[in-house]
Amino acid sequence: MKKILLPLVAIATLAIPTKALGHAVETRYVFEDQLQLQTLFSHGEPLADATVQVFSPDHPEKPWLEGKTDSEGRFAFTPDKQIPGNWEVIIKEQGHGDILTVPVSKEGVDVNLISQEMNVHMHYVAGPLALVGAVLAGGGFALRKRLKASQG
């Protein structure tokens, strides 16, 4: 039995998930008549059709505005100057996203003070022999169960 168990443990070790390539999401912004956002992956592909939630400082638990980015990763809105403070914008799609804090005063948005929480999404992949390890481990378990059943 030990002759089977040791190779199974070695193969199972190769099946441990490891980090794969990750990519950052970045949001560019300008303020003209409204705050215009464009969210892109670090390689330039837009974060299209991402969910956008805007939270005002007076009700941070309930979205003040909800929407989606367009095919170019763009979304625009105008915060209410009558609600001064830090507004939070959350942009997310399938585990990727970005969070911006937008300071708003009675004068409006100060673009120079917008802060961005860079968000990197790391993908996990199984080790090179995950499938083989799973099959062999399952087979070893079934074989052990049969041997015990035939002995008792």
N, C-alpha and C. Protein backbone atom coordinates (compact mmCIF):
# COMPACT_ATOMS: atom_id res chain seq x y z
N MET A 1 0.81 -1.19 0.00
CA MET A 1 0.00 0.00 0.00
C MET A 1 0.86 1.26 0.00
N LYS A 2 2.01 1.22 0.73
CA LYS A 2 2.90 2.37 0.78
C LYS A 2 3.48 2.66 -0.60
N LYS A 3 3.62 1.62 -1.44
CA LYS A 3 4.16 1.81 -2.79
C LYS A 3 3.20 2.65 -3.64
N ILE A 4 1.93 2.55 -3.37
CA ILE A 4 0.93 3.32 -4.11
C ILE A 4 0.77 4.71 -3.51
N LEU A 5 0.77 4.80 -2.19
CA LEU A 5 0.49 6.05 -1.49
C LEU A 5 1.53 7.14 -1.78
N LEU A 6 2.81 6.80 -1.76
CA LEU A 6 3.86 7.80 -1.98
C LEU A 6 3.76 8.47 -3.35
N PRO A 7 3.60 7.72 -4.45
CA PRO A 7 3.44 8.38 -5.75
C PRO A 7 2.17 9.23 -5.83
N LEU A 8 1.09 8.79 -5.17
CA LEU A 8 -0.14 9.57 -5.18
C LEU A 8 0.06 10.90 -4.46
N VAL A 9 0.77 10.89 -3.35
CA VAL A 9 1.04 12.13 -2.62
C VAL A 9 1.91 13.06 -3.47
N ALA A 10 2.90 12.51 -4.15
CA ALA A 10 3.78 13.32 -5.01
C ALA A 10 2.98 13.95 -6.15
N ILE A 11 2.11 13.19 -6.77
CA ILE A 11 1.30 13.72 -7.88
C ILE A 11 0.30 14.75 -7.36
N ALA A 12 -0.30 14.47 -6.21
CA ALA A 12 -1.26 15.42 -5.64
C ALA A 12 -0.58 16.75 -5.32
N THR A 13 0.68 16.72 -4.92
CA THR A 13 1.42 17.95 -4.63
C THR A 13 1.52 18.81 -5.89
N LEU A 14 1.66 18.20 -7.04
CA LEU A 14 1.74 18.96 -8.29
C LEU A 14 0.41 19.59 -8.65
N ALA A 15 -0.67 19.14 -8.02
CA ALA A 15 -2.00 19.65 -8.33
C ALA A 15 -2.38 20.87 -7.50
N ILE A 16 -1.49 21.35 -6.64
CA ILE A 16 -1.79 22.51 -5.81
C ILE A 16 -1.93 23.75 -6.71
N PRO A 17 -3.03 24.51 -6.53
CA PRO A 17 -3.21 25.71 -7.36
C PRO A 17 -2.06 26.70 -7.19
N THR A 18 -1.69 27.33 -8.28
CA THR A 18 -0.62 28.32 -8.26
C THR A 18 -1.11 29.60 -8.92
N LYS A 19 -0.44 30.71 -8.62
CA LYS A 19 -0.82 31.99 -9.22
C LYS A 19 -0.45 32.01 -10.69
N ALA A 20 -1.36 32.54 -11.47
CA ALA A 20 -1.10 32.73 -12.90
C ALA A 20 -0.99 34.23 -13.15
N LEU A 21 -0.91 34.60 -14.38
CA LEU A 21 -0.79 36.02 -14.71
C LEU A 21 -1.99 36.80 -14.19
N GLY A 22 -1.72 37.91 -13.54
CA GLY A 22 -2.77 38.80 -13.09
C GLY A 22 -2.71 40.07 -13.91
N HIS A 23 -3.77 40.83 -13.87
CA HIS A 23 -3.75 42.09 -14.59
C HIS A 23 -4.51 43.13 -13.79
N ALA A 24 -4.00 44.33 -13.85
CA ALA A 24 -4.60 45.43 -13.10
C ALA A 24 -5.73 46.06 -13.90
N VAL A 25 -6.59 46.73 -13.18
CA VAL A 25 -7.66 47.51 -13.78
C VAL A 25 -7.40 48.96 -13.39
N GLU A 26 -7.49 49.85 -14.36
CA GLU A 26 -7.21 51.27 -14.13
C GLU A 26 -8.36 52.10 -14.66
N THR A 27 -8.75 53.12 -13.90
CA THR A 27 -9.81 54.02 -14.35
C THR A 27 -9.21 55.40 -14.61
N ARG A 28 -9.42 55.88 -15.80
CA ARG A 28 -9.01 57.25 -16.17
C ARG A 28 -10.24 58.14 -15.99
N TYR A 29 -10.02 59.40 -15.67
CA TYR A 29 -11.16 60.28 -15.45
C TYR A 29 -10.83 61.71 -15.82
N VAL A 30 -11.86 62.41 -16.25
CA VAL A 30 -11.81 63.86 -16.50
C VAL A 30 -13.16 64.43 -16.07
N PHE A 31 -13.15 65.70 -15.72
CA PHE A 31 -14.42 66.36 -15.38
C PHE A 31 -14.60 67.53 -16.32
N GLU A 32 -15.67 67.45 -17.11
CA GLU A 32 -16.06 68.59 -17.95
C GLU A 32 -17.43 69.02 -17.44
N ASP A 33 -18.49 68.66 -18.11
CA ASP A 33 -19.83 68.93 -17.58
C ASP A 33 -20.22 67.88 -16.53
N GLN A 34 -19.58 66.72 -16.62
CA GLN A 34 -19.81 65.63 -15.68
C GLN A 34 -18.52 64.85 -15.51
N LEU A 35 -18.48 64.01 -14.49
CA LEU A 35 -17.30 63.18 -14.28
C LEU A 35 -17.34 62.03 -15.26
N GLN A 36 -16.36 61.98 -16.15
CA GLN A 36 -16.30 60.95 -17.19
C GLN A 36 -15.21 59.96 -16.83
N LEU A 37 -15.60 58.69 -16.73
CA LEU A 37 -14.69 57.62 -16.34
C LEU A 37 -14.49 56.67 -17.51
N GLN A 38 -13.30 56.11 -17.61
CA GLN A 38 -13.05 55.02 -18.55
C GLN A 38 -12.17 54.01 -17.83
N THR A 39 -12.69 52.79 -17.70
CA THR A 39 -11.99 51.73 -16.99
C THR A 39 -11.43 50.72 -17.98
N LEU A 40 -10.13 50.45 -17.84
CA LEU A 40 -9.41 49.57 -18.76
C LEU A 40 -8.57 48.56 -17.99
N PHE A 41 -8.35 47.39 -18.61
CA PHE A 41 -7.35 46.46 -18.09
C PHE A 41 -5.98 47.06 -18.38
N SER A 42 -4.96 46.60 -17.68
CA SER A 42 -3.62 47.14 -17.87
C SER A 42 -3.10 46.96 -19.29
N HIS A 43 -3.62 45.99 -20.02
CA HIS A 43 -3.18 45.78 -21.41
C HIS A 43 -4.00 46.59 -22.40
N GLY A 44 -4.94 47.45 -21.90
CA GLY A 44 -5.66 48.37 -22.77
C GLY A 44 -7.07 47.97 -23.14
N GLU A 45 -7.47 46.74 -22.87
CA GLU A 45 -8.83 46.30 -23.20
C GLU A 45 -9.82 46.96 -22.23
N PRO A 46 -10.93 47.51 -22.75
CA PRO A 46 -11.90 48.17 -21.87
C PRO A 46 -12.64 47.16 -20.98
N LEU A 47 -13.00 47.60 -19.79
CA LEU A 47 -13.83 46.80 -18.90
C LEU A 47 -15.28 47.09 -19.30
N ALA A 48 -15.71 46.43 -20.38
CA ALA A 48 -17.03 46.68 -20.97
C ALA A 48 -18.13 46.02 -20.17
N ASP A 49 -19.27 46.68 -20.13
CA ASP A 49 -20.48 46.16 -19.49
C ASP A 49 -20.28 45.86 -18.00
N ALA A 50 -19.39 46.61 -17.36
CA ALA A 50 -19.14 46.43 -15.93
C ALA A 50 -20.22 47.15 -15.13
N THR A 51 -20.53 46.61 -13.97
CA THR A 51 -21.49 47.23 -13.07
C THR A 51 -20.83 48.43 -12.38
N VAL A 52 -21.54 49.54 -12.34
CA VAL A 52 -21.04 50.74 -11.67
C VAL A 52 -22.04 51.13 -10.58
N GLN A 53 -21.53 51.33 -9.38
CA GLN A 53 -22.35 51.82 -8.28
C GLN A 53 -21.69 53.07 -7.73
N VAL A 54 -22.52 54.11 -7.55
CA VAL A 54 -22.05 55.38 -7.00
C VAL A 54 -22.74 55.57 -5.65
N PHE A 55 -21.93 55.79 -4.61
CA PHE A 55 -22.45 55.96 -3.26
C PHE A 55 -22.19 57.38 -2.80
N SER A 56 -23.21 58.06 -2.30
CA SER A 56 -23.05 59.41 -1.78
C SER A 56 -22.61 59.35 -0.32
N PRO A 57 -21.98 60.41 0.19
CA PRO A 57 -21.51 60.39 1.57
C PRO A 57 -22.64 60.34 2.61
N ASP A 58 -23.83 60.81 2.25
CA ASP A 58 -24.91 60.81 3.23
C ASP A 58 -25.64 59.47 3.34
N HIS A 59 -25.47 58.58 2.35
CA HIS A 59 -26.06 57.22 2.40
C HIS A 59 -25.06 56.23 1.80
N PRO A 60 -23.94 55.96 2.50
CA PRO A 60 -22.89 55.11 1.93
C PRO A 60 -23.27 53.63 1.80
N GLU A 61 -24.41 53.22 2.37
CA GLU A 61 -24.81 51.83 2.29
C GLU A 61 -25.76 51.54 1.12
N LYS A 62 -26.31 52.60 0.52
CA LYS A 62 -27.28 52.43 -0.56
C LYS A 62 -26.80 53.20 -1.80
N PRO A 63 -26.71 52.54 -2.96
CA PRO A 63 -26.25 53.26 -4.17
C PRO A 63 -27.12 54.47 -4.50
N TRP A 64 -26.46 55.58 -4.75
CA TRP A 64 -27.12 56.81 -5.19
C TRP A 64 -27.45 56.69 -6.68
N LEU A 65 -26.60 55.94 -7.39
CA LEU A 65 -26.77 55.73 -8.83
C LEU A 65 -26.16 54.38 -9.19
N GLU A 66 -26.82 53.66 -10.10
CA GLU A 66 -26.29 52.39 -10.60
C GLU A 66 -26.36 52.41 -12.12
N GLY A 67 -25.40 51.76 -12.74
CA GLY A 67 -25.38 51.70 -14.20
C GLY A 67 -24.35 50.70 -14.68
N LYS A 68 -24.02 50.78 -15.96
CA LYS A 68 -23.05 49.88 -16.59
C LYS A 68 -22.11 50.72 -17.46
N THR A 69 -20.88 50.23 -17.60
CA THR A 69 -19.97 50.87 -18.55
C THR A 69 -20.40 50.48 -19.96
N ASP A 70 -20.04 51.30 -20.92
CA ASP A 70 -20.36 50.97 -22.32
C ASP A 70 -19.29 50.04 -22.88
N SER A 71 -19.33 49.79 -24.17
CA SER A 71 -18.39 48.86 -24.81
C SER A 71 -16.95 49.34 -24.75
N GLU A 72 -16.74 50.63 -24.49
CA GLU A 72 -15.40 51.20 -24.36
C GLU A 72 -14.98 51.36 -22.90
N GLY A 73 -15.80 50.82 -21.97
CA GLY A 73 -15.48 50.92 -20.55
C GLY A 73 -15.79 52.28 -19.96
N ARG A 74 -16.66 53.05 -20.63
CA ARG A 74 -16.95 54.42 -20.19
C ARG A 74 -18.25 54.51 -19.38
N PHE A 75 -18.24 55.45 -18.44
CA PHE A 75 -19.42 55.75 -17.63
C PHE A 75 -19.27 57.20 -17.18
N ALA A 76 -20.38 57.95 -17.14
CA ALA A 76 -20.32 59.35 -16.73
C ALA A 76 -21.48 59.67 -15.79
N PHE A 77 -21.22 60.57 -14.85
CA PHE A 77 -22.27 61.04 -13.94
C PHE A 77 -21.84 62.37 -13.34
N THR A 78 -22.80 63.06 -12.74
CA THR A 78 -22.52 64.32 -12.07
C THR A 78 -22.94 64.19 -10.60
N PRO A 79 -21.98 64.21 -9.68
CA PRO A 79 -22.35 64.15 -8.26
C PRO A 79 -23.13 65.41 -7.86
N ASP A 80 -24.00 65.26 -6.91
CA ASP A 80 -24.81 66.37 -6.40
C ASP A 80 -23.94 67.24 -5.48
N LYS A 81 -23.69 68.50 -5.87
CA LYS A 81 -22.88 69.41 -5.06
C LYS A 81 -23.53 69.73 -3.72
N GLN A 82 -24.83 69.48 -3.62
CA GLN A 82 -25.54 69.73 -2.37
C GLN A 82 -25.27 68.63 -1.33
N ILE A 83 -24.54 67.58 -1.75
CA ILE A 83 -24.15 66.50 -0.82
C ILE A 83 -22.62 66.45 -0.81
N PRO A 84 -21.98 67.38 -0.08
CA PRO A 84 -20.52 67.41 -0.05
C PRO A 84 -19.94 66.25 0.75
N GLY A 85 -18.72 65.89 0.39
CA GLY A 85 -18.02 64.81 1.07
C GLY A 85 -17.40 63.85 0.08
N ASN A 86 -16.96 62.71 0.57
CA ASN A 86 -16.32 61.72 -0.30
C ASN A 86 -17.34 60.75 -0.87
N TRP A 87 -17.47 60.77 -2.17
CA TRP A 87 -18.34 59.85 -2.90
C TRP A 87 -17.49 58.64 -3.28
N GLU A 88 -18.11 57.48 -3.30
CA GLU A 88 -17.38 56.27 -3.68
C GLU A 88 -17.99 55.70 -4.95
N VAL A 89 -17.12 55.37 -5.90
CA VAL A 89 -17.54 54.77 -7.16
C VAL A 89 -16.91 53.39 -7.24
N ILE A 90 -17.75 52.37 -7.37
CA ILE A 90 -17.28 50.99 -7.48
C ILE A 90 -17.62 50.49 -8.87
N ILE A 91 -16.58 50.04 -9.58
CA ILE A 91 -16.74 49.51 -10.94
C ILE A 91 -16.26 48.07 -10.90
N LYS A 92 -17.11 47.12 -11.30
CA LYS A 92 -16.67 45.72 -11.22
C LYS A 92 -17.34 44.87 -12.30
N GLU A 93 -16.58 43.85 -12.70
CA GLU A 93 -17.06 42.89 -13.69
C GLU A 93 -16.29 41.59 -13.52
N GLN A 94 -16.99 40.51 -13.20
CA GLN A 94 -16.41 39.17 -13.10
C GLN A 94 -15.10 39.13 -12.30
N GLY A 95 -15.13 39.66 -11.10
CA GLY A 95 -13.96 39.60 -10.24
C GLY A 95 -12.91 40.66 -10.48
N HIS A 96 -13.09 41.49 -11.47
CA HIS A 96 -12.16 42.59 -11.75
C HIS A 96 -12.86 43.89 -11.41
N GLY A 97 -12.10 44.90 -11.04
CA GLY A 97 -12.76 46.16 -10.76
C GLY A 97 -11.84 47.22 -10.22
N ASP A 98 -12.46 48.34 -9.88
CA ASP A 98 -11.74 49.48 -9.36
C ASP A 98 -12.66 50.24 -8.41
N ILE A 99 -12.07 50.96 -7.48
CA ILE A 99 -12.82 51.78 -6.54
C ILE A 99 -12.20 53.16 -6.53
N LEU A 100 -13.03 54.17 -6.71
CA LEU A 100 -12.56 55.55 -6.68
C LEU A 100 -13.26 56.30 -5.56
N THR A 101 -12.51 57.18 -4.91
CA THR A 101 -13.09 58.10 -3.93
C THR A 101 -13.06 59.48 -4.58
N VAL A 102 -14.25 60.08 -4.71
CA VAL A 102 -14.40 61.35 -5.41
C VAL A 102 -14.82 62.42 -4.40
N PRO A 103 -13.89 63.34 -4.05
CA PRO A 103 -14.27 64.41 -3.12
C PRO A 103 -15.12 65.47 -3.83
N VAL A 104 -16.24 65.79 -3.19
CA VAL A 104 -17.17 66.78 -3.75
C VAL A 104 -17.39 67.86 -2.70
N SER A 105 -17.26 69.11 -3.15
CA SER A 105 -17.53 70.26 -2.27
C SER A 105 -18.67 71.07 -2.88
N LYS A 106 -19.02 72.14 -2.22
CA LYS A 106 -20.08 73.03 -2.74
C LYS A 106 -19.70 73.59 -4.11
N GLU A 107 -18.39 73.65 -4.39
CA GLU A 107 -17.91 74.13 -5.70
C GLU A 107 -17.95 73.04 -6.76
N GLY A 108 -17.99 71.79 -6.34
CA GLY A 108 -18.02 70.68 -7.30
C GLY A 108 -16.92 69.66 -7.02
N VAL A 109 -16.54 68.93 -8.07
CA VAL A 109 -15.55 67.87 -7.95
C VAL A 109 -14.15 68.45 -8.10
N ASP A 110 -13.24 68.07 -7.20
CA ASP A 110 -11.84 68.44 -7.35
C ASP A 110 -11.11 67.21 -7.91
N VAL A 111 -10.92 67.18 -9.21
CA VAL A 111 -10.34 66.03 -9.90
C VAL A 111 -8.95 65.69 -9.36
N ASN A 112 -8.20 66.69 -8.92
CA ASN A 112 -6.84 66.45 -8.41
C ASN A 112 -6.83 65.65 -7.10
N LEU A 113 -7.96 65.59 -6.41
CA LEU A 113 -8.02 64.88 -5.13
C LEU A 113 -8.69 63.51 -5.23
N ILE A 114 -9.11 63.12 -6.43
CA ILE A 114 -9.71 61.79 -6.59
C ILE A 114 -8.66 60.74 -6.29
N SER A 115 -9.02 59.79 -5.46
CA SER A 115 -8.08 58.70 -5.15
C SER A 115 -8.63 57.40 -5.72
N GLN A 116 -7.71 56.58 -6.09
CA GLN A 116 -8.05 55.34 -6.78
C GLN A 116 -7.41 54.17 -6.05
N GLU A 117 -8.20 53.16 -5.78
CA GLU A 117 -7.68 51.94 -5.16
C GLU A 117 -7.42 50.95 -6.28
N MET A 118 -6.15 50.85 -6.68
CA MET A 118 -5.79 49.93 -7.77
C MET A 118 -6.18 48.52 -7.37
N ASN A 119 -6.77 47.84 -8.29
CA ASN A 119 -7.27 46.51 -8.00
C ASN A 119 -6.69 45.53 -9.00
N VAL A 120 -5.91 44.58 -8.52
CA VAL A 120 -5.34 43.54 -9.38
C VAL A 120 -6.07 42.25 -9.09
N HIS A 121 -6.48 41.59 -10.12
CA HIS A 121 -7.16 40.31 -9.95
C HIS A 121 -6.18 39.20 -10.33
N MET A 122 -5.96 38.29 -9.42
CA MET A 122 -5.05 37.19 -9.66
C MET A 122 -5.87 35.94 -9.98
N HIS A 123 -5.54 35.31 -11.05
CA HIS A 123 -6.21 34.07 -11.42
C HIS A 123 -5.42 32.90 -10.84
N TYR A 124 -6.11 31.89 -10.45
CA TYR A 124 -5.45 30.69 -9.93
C TYR A 124 -5.71 29.54 -10.90
N VAL A 125 -4.67 28.80 -11.16
CA VAL A 125 -4.79 27.65 -12.03
C VAL A 125 -4.26 26.44 -11.29
N ALA A 126 -4.76 25.29 -11.67
CA ALA A 126 -4.28 24.08 -11.04
C ALA A 126 -2.88 23.80 -11.54
N GLY A 127 -2.11 23.08 -10.72
CA GLY A 127 -0.76 22.69 -11.12
C GLY A 127 -0.80 21.85 -12.38
N PRO A 128 0.33 21.56 -12.95
CA PRO A 128 0.40 20.91 -14.25
C PRO A 128 -0.24 19.54 -14.34
N LEU A 129 -0.29 18.82 -13.24
CA LEU A 129 -0.85 17.47 -13.30
C LEU A 129 -2.10 17.32 -12.44
N ALA A 130 -2.88 18.39 -12.31
CA ALA A 130 -4.05 18.36 -11.43
C ALA A 130 -5.03 17.27 -11.81
N LEU A 131 -5.34 17.16 -13.08
CA LEU A 131 -6.31 16.17 -13.52
C LEU A 131 -5.78 14.76 -13.29
N VAL A 132 -4.54 14.54 -13.64
CA VAL A 132 -3.94 13.21 -13.44
C VAL A 132 -3.91 12.88 -11.96
N GLY A 133 -3.53 13.83 -11.12
CA GLY A 133 -3.50 13.61 -9.68
C GLY A 133 -4.86 13.29 -9.12
N ALA A 134 -5.88 14.00 -9.58
CA ALA A 134 -7.23 13.75 -9.10
C ALA A 134 -7.70 12.35 -9.50
N VAL A 135 -7.43 11.96 -10.73
CA VAL A 135 -7.84 10.64 -11.21
C VAL A 135 -7.11 9.55 -10.44
N LEU A 136 -5.81 9.70 -10.28
CA LEU A 136 -5.04 8.67 -9.56
C LEU A 136 -5.42 8.62 -8.08
N ALA A 137 -5.65 9.78 -7.47
CA ALA A 137 -6.06 9.79 -6.07
C ALA A 137 -7.41 9.12 -5.90
N GLY A 138 -8.33 9.41 -6.80
CA GLY A 138 -9.64 8.76 -6.75
C GLY A 138 -9.54 7.27 -6.97
N GLY A 139 -8.70 6.86 -7.92
CA GLY A 139 -8.48 5.43 -8.18
C GLY A 139 -7.84 4.74 -6.99
N GLY A 140 -6.88 5.40 -6.34
CA GLY A 140 -6.23 4.83 -5.16
C GLY A 140 -7.21 4.68 -4.01
N PHE A 141 -8.09 5.65 -3.85
CA PHE A 141 -9.09 5.58 -2.80
C PHE A 141 -10.05 4.42 -3.05
N ALA A 142 -10.49 4.28 -4.31
CA ALA A 142 -11.40 3.19 -4.67
C ALA A 142 -10.73 1.84 -4.47
N LEU A 143 -9.46 1.72 -4.86
CA LEU A 143 -8.71 0.46 -4.70
C LEU A 143 -8.58 0.10 -3.22
N ARG A 144 -8.27 1.09 -2.40
CA ARG A 144 -8.14 0.85 -0.97
C ARG A 144 -9.45 0.39 -0.36
N LYS A 145 -10.54 1.00 -0.80
CA LYS A 145 -11.86 0.63 -0.30
C LYS A 145 -12.20 -0.81 -0.70
N ARG A 146 -11.87 -1.19 -1.94
CA ARG A 146 -12.12 -2.57 -2.40
C ARG A 146 -11.30 -3.58 -1.61
N LEU A 147 -10.02 -3.24 -1.37
CA LEU A 147 -9.17 -4.16 -0.61
C LEU A 147 -9.69 -4.36 0.80
N LYS A 148 -10.14 -3.30 1.44
CA LYS A 148 -10.68 -3.42 2.79
C LYS A 148 -11.96 -4.25 2.78
N ALA A 149 -12.81 -4.04 1.75
CA ALA A 149 -14.06 -4.77 1.65
C ALA A 149 -13.82 -6.26 1.44
N SER A 150 -12.80 -6.61 0.65
CA SER A 150 -12.54 -8.02 0.36
C SER A 150 -11.88 -8.70 1.56
N GLN A 151 -11.23 -7.95 2.42
CA GLN A 151 -10.57 -8.53 3.60
C GLN A 151 -11.56 -8.69 4.76
N GLY A 152 -12.59 -7.97 4.78
CA GLY A 152 -13.48 -8.00 5.94
C GLY A 152 -14.83 -8.34 5.59
